[in-house]
Amino acid sequence: MATPGRHLEGAQTKERILAVAATLLARQGYAATSISQICKAADALPASIYWAFGSKEGLFAAVMEREAEAFFDALPVITHRDPDADTDQMERMFEEKPDFLRLMLVLSLERRDGDPAILEAARRVRSRAAERIAGALEPAIVMKDRARARSIADEVARFSLMLLDGAFIALQIDVGKTGTRELFMTVATALRAMLDHLTAQALSEPPKPKPKRRKR
């Protein structure tokens, strides 16, 4: 029977492995990060990794989801109504959590032809991100048809993720050429314009006729 002390030690080792793996993956990429490297940096045995995660791919999938939770917990509410406030929020998010965004791209793109565990983890992470963004947007959409409001929020949320992906890549490639604040001001403006356009379009549509009742 496992003792509480051993359980605590096992949990601490697991967390240490995840933290070390996240750092190495974001810095080196998938191919250059080995189990032996992780074990050495985390002061853990290979058996601990395989016991807890099953495989290298299982470990990296767990790393992605762990980092995602930390990222989402710190995710600010983007209102898409105040450009300056939105820009400040996005700048802060990218500055404080750059490793997570880099990790997502590295694992999703470098391993796109295999490792279903990693790809499925990436899909779950993006799905949760879209859900959280849409949930923050929906209350700001003034519309009686709440199902349509949610549909608009979902569409803008997916577009938000696409823009944030592009913004992150631009910041990595155009170092010194792309101004962070200018870039995020453009992103915030684009998202606000899309939200306003879809809302106005929905409000201008004629109401759907109610189905006629059949005479008995």
C-alpha atoms as a PDB file:
ATOM      1  CA  MET A   1       0.000   0.000   0.000  1.00  0.00           C
ATOM      2  CA  ALA A   2       1.413   3.402  -1.018  1.00  0.00           C
ATOM      3  CA  THR A   3       2.185   5.773   1.826  1.00  0.00           C
ATOM      4  CA  PRO A   4       1.177   9.482   1.741  1.00  0.00           C
ATOM      5  CA  GLY A   5       4.857  10.433   1.674  1.00  0.00           C
ATOM      6  CA  ARG A   6       5.558   8.345  -1.410  1.00  0.00           C
ATOM      7  CA  HIS A   7       2.452   9.681  -3.121  1.00  0.00           C
ATOM      8  CA  LEU A   8       3.575  13.260  -2.472  1.00  0.00           C
ATOM      9  CA  GLU A   9       7.080  12.491  -3.709  1.00  0.00           C
ATOM     10  CA  GLY A  10       5.639  10.924  -6.866  1.00  0.00           C
ATOM     11  CA  ALA A  11       3.444  13.968  -7.521  1.00  0.00           C
ATOM     12  CA  GLN A  12       6.383  16.317  -7.018  1.00  0.00           C
ATOM     13  CA  THR A  13       8.553  14.278  -9.385  1.00  0.00           C
ATOM     14  CA  LYS A  14       5.798  14.290 -12.016  1.00  0.00           C
ATOM     15  CA  GLU A  15       5.385  18.061 -11.756  1.00  0.00           C
ATOM     16  CA  ARG A  16       9.158  18.542 -11.964  1.00  0.00           C
ATOM     17  CA  ILE A  17       9.305  16.394 -15.108  1.00  0.00           C
ATOM     18  CA  LEU A  18       6.487  18.378 -16.737  1.00  0.00           C
ATOM     19  CA  ALA A  19       8.114  21.733 -15.943  1.00  0.00           C
ATOM     20  CA  VAL A  20      11.522  20.657 -17.267  1.00  0.00           C
ATOM     21  CA  ALA A  21      10.029  19.098 -20.406  1.00  0.00           C
ATOM     22  CA  ALA A  22       8.045  22.285 -21.140  1.00  0.00           C
ATOM     23  CA  THR A  23      11.195  24.423 -20.940  1.00  0.00           C
ATOM     24  CA  LEU A  24      13.287  22.109 -23.105  1.00  0.00           C
ATOM     25  CA  LEU A  25      10.555  21.644 -25.712  1.00  0.00           C
ATOM     26  CA  ALA A  26       9.923  25.354 -26.099  1.00  0.00           C
ATOM     27  CA  ARG A  27      13.657  26.003 -26.407  1.00  0.00           C
ATOM     28  CA  GLN A  28      14.780  23.044 -28.547  1.00  0.00           C
ATOM     29  CA  GLY A  29      11.759  21.533 -30.263  1.00  0.00           C
ATOM     30  CA  TYR A  30      10.500  17.949 -30.288  1.00  0.00           C
ATOM     31  CA  ALA A  31      13.289  16.138 -32.130  1.00  0.00           C
ATOM     32  CA  ALA A  32      16.116  17.683 -30.098  1.00  0.00           C
ATOM     33  CA  THR A  33      14.490  16.964 -26.728  1.00  0.00           C
ATOM     34  CA  SER A  34      15.195  13.470 -25.441  1.00  0.00           C
ATOM     35  CA  ILE A  35      13.935  11.519 -22.464  1.00  0.00           C
ATOM     36  CA  SER A  36      17.510  11.289 -21.151  1.00  0.00           C
ATOM     37  CA  GLN A  37      17.831  15.101 -21.233  1.00  0.00           C
ATOM     38  CA  ILE A  38      14.578  15.502 -19.347  1.00  0.00           C
ATOM     39  CA  CYS A  39      15.567  12.881 -16.781  1.00  0.00           C
ATOM     40  CA  LYS A  40      18.931  14.527 -16.143  1.00  0.00           C
ATOM     41  CA  ALA A  41      17.465  18.029 -15.764  1.00  0.00           C
ATOM     42  CA  ALA A  42      14.547  16.827 -13.624  1.00  0.00           C
ATOM     43  CA  ASP A  43      16.645  14.406 -11.545  1.00  0.00           C
ATOM     44  CA  ALA A  44      14.271  11.576 -12.424  1.00  0.00           C
ATOM     45  CA  LEU A  45      14.539   8.023 -13.715  1.00  0.00           C
ATOM     46  CA  PRO A  46      13.276   7.078 -17.211  1.00  0.00           C
ATOM     47  CA  ALA A  47      10.985   4.541 -15.554  1.00  0.00           C
ATOM     48  CA  SER A  48       9.222   7.419 -13.758  1.00  0.00           C
ATOM     49  CA  ILE A  49       8.378   9.032 -17.082  1.00  0.00           C
ATOM     50  CA  TYR A  50       7.131   5.860 -18.738  1.00  0.00           C
ATOM     51  CA  TRP A  51       5.139   4.900 -15.655  1.00  0.00           C
ATOM     52  CA  ALA A  52       3.430   8.298 -15.405  1.00  0.00           C
ATOM     53  CA  PHE A  53       2.974   9.140 -19.099  1.00  0.00           C
ATOM     54  CA  GLY A  54       3.366   5.916 -21.045  1.00  0.00           C
ATOM     55  CA  SER A  55       5.666   7.315 -23.744  1.00  0.00           C
ATOM     56  CA  LYS A  56       7.574  10.357 -24.927  1.00  0.00           C
ATOM     57  CA  GLU A  57       4.521  11.433 -26.898  1.00  0.00           C
ATOM     58  CA  GLY A  58       2.270  10.977 -23.868  1.00  0.00           C
ATOM     59  CA  LEU A  59       4.612  13.147 -21.804  1.00  0.00           C
ATOM     60  CA  PHE A  60       4.651  15.920 -24.397  1.00  0.00           C
ATOM     61  CA  ALA A  61       0.866  15.817 -24.756  1.00  0.00           C
ATOM     62  CA  ALA A  62       0.597  16.197 -20.970  1.00  0.00           C
ATOM     63  CA  VAL A  63       3.071  19.094 -21.101  1.00  0.00           C
ATOM     64  CA  MET A  64       0.934  20.889 -23.669  1.00  0.00           C
ATOM     65  CA  GLU A  65      -2.236  20.534 -21.613  1.00  0.00           C
ATOM     66  CA  ARG A  66      -0.487  21.555 -18.389  1.00  0.00           C
ATOM     67  CA  GLU A  67       0.885  24.705 -19.999  1.00  0.00           C
ATOM     68  CA  ALA A  68      -2.503  25.407 -21.568  1.00  0.00           C
ATOM     69  CA  GLU A  69      -4.243  25.382 -18.201  1.00  0.00           C
ATOM     70  CA  ALA A  70      -1.706  27.835 -16.769  1.00  0.00           C
ATOM     71  CA  PHE A  71      -2.086  30.024 -19.852  1.00  0.00           C
ATOM     72  CA  PHE A  72      -5.893  30.021 -19.742  1.00  0.00           C
ATOM     73  CA  ASP A  73      -5.959  30.747 -16.013  1.00  0.00           C
ATOM     74  CA  ALA A  74      -3.999  33.928 -16.734  1.00  0.00           C
ATOM     75  CA  LEU A  75      -5.951  34.785 -19.891  1.00  0.00           C
ATOM     76  CA  PRO A  76      -7.411  38.297 -19.677  1.00  0.00           C
ATOM     77  CA  VAL A  77     -10.903  39.192 -20.843  1.00  0.00           C
ATOM     78  CA  ILE A  78     -10.672  40.861 -24.244  1.00  0.00           C
ATOM     79  CA  THR A  79     -13.771  43.028 -24.654  1.00  0.00           C
ATOM     80  CA  HIS A  80     -13.120  44.156 -28.248  1.00  0.00           C
ATOM     81  CA  ARG A  81     -14.625  47.522 -27.247  1.00  0.00           C
ATOM     82  CA  ASP A  82     -11.612  49.432 -25.912  1.00  0.00           C
ATOM     83  CA  PRO A  83      -8.636  49.196 -28.337  1.00  0.00           C
ATOM     84  CA  ASP A  84      -6.072  50.503 -25.844  1.00  0.00           C
ATOM     85  CA  ALA A  85      -7.184  48.167 -23.048  1.00  0.00           C
ATOM     86  CA  ASP A  86      -7.375  45.184 -25.406  1.00  0.00           C
ATOM     87  CA  THR A  87      -3.896  45.897 -26.739  1.00  0.00           C
ATOM     88  CA  ASP A  88      -2.436  46.182 -23.243  1.00  0.00           C
ATOM     89  CA  GLN A  89      -4.020  42.854 -22.286  1.00  0.00           C
ATOM     90  CA  MET A  90      -2.719  40.998 -25.349  1.00  0.00           C
ATOM     91  CA  GLU A  91       0.778  42.461 -24.974  1.00  0.00           C
ATOM     92  CA  ARG A  92       0.925  41.344 -21.363  1.00  0.00           C
ATOM     93  CA  MET A  93      -0.323  37.848 -22.243  1.00  0.00           C
ATOM     94  CA  PHE A  94       2.334  37.338 -24.923  1.00  0.00           C
ATOM     95  CA  GLU A  95       5.107  38.748 -22.741  1.00  0.00           C
ATOM     96  CA  GLU A  96       4.239  36.625 -19.689  1.00  0.00           C
ATOM     97  CA  LYS A  97       3.479  33.319 -21.463  1.00  0.00           C
ATOM     98  CA  PRO A  98       5.631  33.138 -24.601  1.00  0.00           C
ATOM     99  CA  ASP A  99       6.744  29.550 -24.006  1.00  0.00           C
ATOM    100  CA  PHE A 100       3.228  28.151 -24.205  1.00  0.00           C
ATOM    101  CA  LEU A 101       2.553  29.679 -27.622  1.00  0.00           C
ATOM    102  CA  ARG A 102       5.927  28.519 -28.909  1.00  0.00           C
ATOM    103  CA  LEU A 103       5.270  25.065 -27.492  1.00  0.00           C
ATOM    104  CA  MET A 104       1.897  24.803 -29.218  1.00  0.00           C
ATOM    105  CA  LEU A 105       3.391  25.638 -32.604  1.00  0.00           C
ATOM    106  CA  VAL A 106       6.440  23.405 -32.161  1.00  0.00           C
ATOM    107  CA  LEU A 107       4.461  20.328 -31.151  1.00  0.00           C
ATOM    108  CA  SER A 108       1.559  20.855 -33.556  1.00  0.00           C
ATOM    109  CA  LEU A 109       3.654  21.561 -36.648  1.00  0.00           C
ATOM    110  CA  GLU A 110       6.753  19.455 -36.035  1.00  0.00           C
ATOM    111  CA  ARG A 111       4.690  16.349 -35.262  1.00  0.00           C
ATOM    112  CA  ARG A 112       1.775  16.932 -37.657  1.00  0.00           C
ATOM    113  CA  ASP A 113       2.384  13.651 -39.552  1.00  0.00           C
ATOM    114  CA  GLY A 114       2.213  11.412 -36.513  1.00  0.00           C
ATOM    115  CA  ASP A 115       1.802  11.053 -32.796  1.00  0.00           C
ATOM    116  CA  PRO A 116      -1.991  11.191 -32.492  1.00  0.00           C
ATOM    117  CA  ALA A 117      -1.700  11.791 -28.731  1.00  0.00           C
ATOM    118  CA  ILE A 118       0.028  15.126 -29.352  1.00  0.00           C
ATOM    119  CA  LEU A 119      -2.314  16.178 -32.126  1.00  0.00           C
ATOM    120  CA  GLU A 120      -5.362  15.312 -30.051  1.00  0.00           C
ATOM    121  CA  ALA A 121      -3.950  17.287 -27.121  1.00  0.00           C
ATOM    122  CA  ALA A 122      -3.406  20.274 -29.432  1.00  0.00           C
ATOM    123  CA  ARG A 123      -7.005  20.041 -30.654  1.00  0.00           C
ATOM    124  CA  ARG A 124      -8.336  19.870 -27.101  1.00  0.00           C
ATOM    125  CA  VAL A 125      -6.260  22.877 -26.096  1.00  0.00           C
ATOM    126  CA  ARG A 126      -7.457  24.975 -29.035  1.00  0.00           C
ATOM    127  CA  SER A 127     -11.042  23.896 -28.453  1.00  0.00           C
ATOM    128  CA  ARG A 128     -10.853  25.040 -24.823  1.00  0.00           C
ATOM    129  CA  ALA A 129      -9.257  28.311 -25.892  1.00  0.00           C
ATOM    130  CA  ALA A 130     -12.029  29.011 -28.403  1.00  0.00           C
ATOM    131  CA  GLU A 131     -14.657  28.091 -25.799  1.00  0.00           C
ATOM    132  CA  ARG A 132     -13.218  30.512 -23.245  1.00  0.00           C
ATOM    133  CA  ILE A 133     -12.896  33.367 -25.717  1.00  0.00           C
ATOM    134  CA  ALA A 134     -16.425  32.829 -27.033  1.00  0.00           C
ATOM    135  CA  GLY A 135     -17.782  32.686 -23.491  1.00  0.00           C
ATOM    136  CA  ALA A 136     -16.196  36.059 -22.736  1.00  0.00           C
ATOM    137  CA  LEU A 137     -17.534  37.584 -25.954  1.00  0.00           C
ATOM    138  CA  GLU A 138     -21.119  36.359 -25.891  1.00  0.00           C
ATOM    139  CA  PRO A 139     -22.437  38.623 -23.072  1.00  0.00           C
ATOM    140  CA  ALA A 140     -21.255  41.700 -25.011  1.00  0.00           C
ATOM    141  CA  ILE A 141     -23.391  40.818 -28.053  1.00  0.00           C
ATOM    142  CA  VAL A 142     -26.694  42.648 -27.661  1.00  0.00           C
ATOM    143  CA  MET A 143     -29.191  40.418 -29.413  1.00  0.00           C
ATOM    144  CA  LYS A 144     -32.412  38.670 -28.418  1.00  0.00           C
ATOM    145  CA  ASP A 145     -31.527  35.541 -30.355  1.00  0.00           C
ATOM    146  CA  ARG A 146     -28.971  34.121 -27.937  1.00  0.00           C
ATOM    147  CA  ALA A 147     -28.283  31.083 -30.107  1.00  0.00           C
ATOM    148  CA  ARG A 148     -27.226  33.417 -32.920  1.00  0.00           C
ATOM    149  CA  ALA A 149     -25.196  35.513 -30.489  1.00  0.00           C
ATOM    150  CA  ARG A 150     -23.317  32.398 -29.423  1.00  0.00           C
ATOM    151  CA  SER A 151     -22.723  31.449 -33.057  1.00  0.00           C
ATOM    152  CA  ILE A 152     -21.199  34.890 -33.691  1.00  0.00           C
ATOM    153  CA  ALA A 153     -19.050  34.607 -30.563  1.00  0.00           C
ATOM    154  CA  ASP A 154     -17.808  31.176 -31.701  1.00  0.00           C
ATOM    155  CA  GLU A 155     -16.880  32.508 -35.147  1.00  0.00           C
ATOM    156  CA  VAL A 156     -14.991  35.508 -33.753  1.00  0.00           C
ATOM    157  CA  ALA A 157     -13.236  33.253 -31.212  1.00  0.00           C
ATOM    158  CA  ARG A 158     -11.914  30.992 -33.977  1.00  0.00           C
ATOM    159  CA  PHE A 159     -10.738  34.054 -35.894  1.00  0.00           C
ATOM    160  CA  SER A 160      -9.063  35.343 -32.719  1.00  0.00           C
ATOM    161  CA  LEU A 161      -6.948  32.186 -32.492  1.00  0.00           C
ATOM    162  CA  MET A 162      -5.895  32.507 -36.136  1.00  0.00           C
ATOM    163  CA  LEU A 163      -4.826  36.108 -35.626  1.00  0.00           C
ATOM    164  CA  LEU A 164      -2.953  35.328 -32.422  1.00  0.00           C
ATOM    165  CA  ASP A 165      -1.106  32.483 -34.169  1.00  0.00           C
ATOM    166  CA  GLY A 166      -0.045  34.881 -36.904  1.00  0.00           C
ATOM    167  CA  ALA A 167       0.901  37.604 -34.440  1.00  0.00           C
ATOM    168  CA  PHE A 168       3.137  35.231 -32.501  1.00  0.00           C
ATOM    169  CA  ILE A 169       4.881  34.026 -35.668  1.00  0.00           C
ATOM    170  CA  ALA A 170       5.408  37.612 -36.829  1.00  0.00           C
ATOM    171  CA  LEU A 171       7.016  38.512 -33.514  1.00  0.00           C
ATOM    172  CA  GLN A 172       9.417  35.552 -33.788  1.00  0.00           C
ATOM    173  CA  ILE A 173      10.409  36.193 -37.406  1.00  0.00           C
ATOM    174  CA  ASP A 174      10.357  39.989 -37.721  1.00  0.00           C
ATOM    175  CA  VAL A 175      12.374  40.641 -34.580  1.00  0.00           C
ATOM    176  CA  GLY A 176      12.978  44.366 -34.272  1.00  0.00           C
ATOM    177  CA  LYS A 177      10.843  45.132 -37.326  1.00  0.00           C
ATOM    178  CA  THR A 178       7.365  44.474 -35.988  1.00  0.00           C
ATOM    179  CA  GLY A 179       6.248  46.774 -33.193  1.00  0.00           C
ATOM    180  CA  THR A 180       4.454  44.747 -30.529  1.00  0.00           C
ATOM    181  CA  ARG A 181       1.928  47.419 -29.633  1.00  0.00           C
ATOM    182  CA  GLU A 182       1.205  48.292 -33.255  1.00  0.00           C
ATOM    183  CA  LEU A 183       0.722  44.609 -34.090  1.00  0.00           C
ATOM    184  CA  PHE A 184      -1.713  43.980 -31.264  1.00  0.00           C
ATOM    185  CA  MET A 185      -3.594  47.207 -31.962  1.00  0.00           C
ATOM    186  CA  THR A 186      -4.191  45.873 -35.474  1.00  0.00           C
ATOM    187  CA  VAL A 187      -5.353  42.514 -34.099  1.00  0.00           C
ATOM    188  CA  ALA A 188      -7.748  44.154 -31.615  1.00  0.00           C
ATOM    189  CA  THR A 189      -9.149  46.442 -34.319  1.00  0.00           C
ATOM    190  CA  ALA A 190      -9.702  43.531 -36.709  1.00  0.00           C
ATOM    191  CA  LEU A 191     -11.499  41.471 -34.070  1.00  0.00           C
ATOM    192  CA  ARG A 192     -13.694  44.376 -33.013  1.00  0.00           C
ATOM    193  CA  ALA A 193     -14.584  45.125 -36.649  1.00  0.00           C
ATOM    194  CA  MET A 194     -15.498  41.494 -37.290  1.00  0.00           C
ATOM    195  CA  LEU A 195     -17.641  41.300 -34.159  1.00  0.00           C
ATOM    196  CA  ASP A 196     -19.473  44.527 -35.038  1.00  0.00           C
ATOM    197  CA  HIS A 197     -19.985  43.436 -38.663  1.00  0.00           C
ATOM    198  CA  LEU A 198     -21.416  40.020 -37.794  1.00  0.00           C
ATOM    199  CA  THR A 199     -23.680  41.508 -35.118  1.00  0.00           C
ATOM    200  CA  ALA A 200     -25.004  44.223 -37.448  1.00  0.00           C
ATOM    201  CA  GLN A 201     -25.517  41.656 -40.208  1.00  0.00           C
ATOM    202  CA  ALA A 202     -27.513  39.409 -37.895  1.00  0.00           C
ATOM    203  CA  LEU A 203     -29.657  42.281 -36.624  1.00  0.00           C
ATOM    204  CA  SER A 204     -30.467  43.438 -40.171  1.00  0.00           C
ATOM    205  CA  GLU A 205     -31.735  40.034 -41.263  1.00  0.00           C
ATOM    206  CA  PRO A 206     -35.531  39.696 -41.357  1.00  0.00           C
ATOM    207  CA  PRO A 207     -36.921  37.387 -38.691  1.00  0.00           C
ATOM    208  CA  LYS A 208     -37.581  33.867 -39.826  1.00  0.00           C
ATOM    209  CA  PRO A 209     -41.294  33.205 -40.384  1.00  0.00           C
ATOM    210  CA  LYS A 210     -42.881  30.978 -37.807  1.00  0.00           C
ATOM    211  CA  PRO A 211     -44.032  27.610 -39.161  1.00  0.00           C
ATOM    212  CA  LYS A 212     -47.745  27.547 -39.889  1.00  0.00           C
ATOM    213  CA  ARG A 213     -49.864  25.266 -37.817  1.00  0.00           C
ATOM    214  CA  ARG A 214     -51.709  22.614 -39.694  1.00  0.00           C
ATOM    215  CA  LYS A 215     -55.484  22.820 -39.520  1.00  0.00           C
ATOM    216  CA  ARG A 216     -57.119  19.773 -38.086  1.00  0.00           C
END
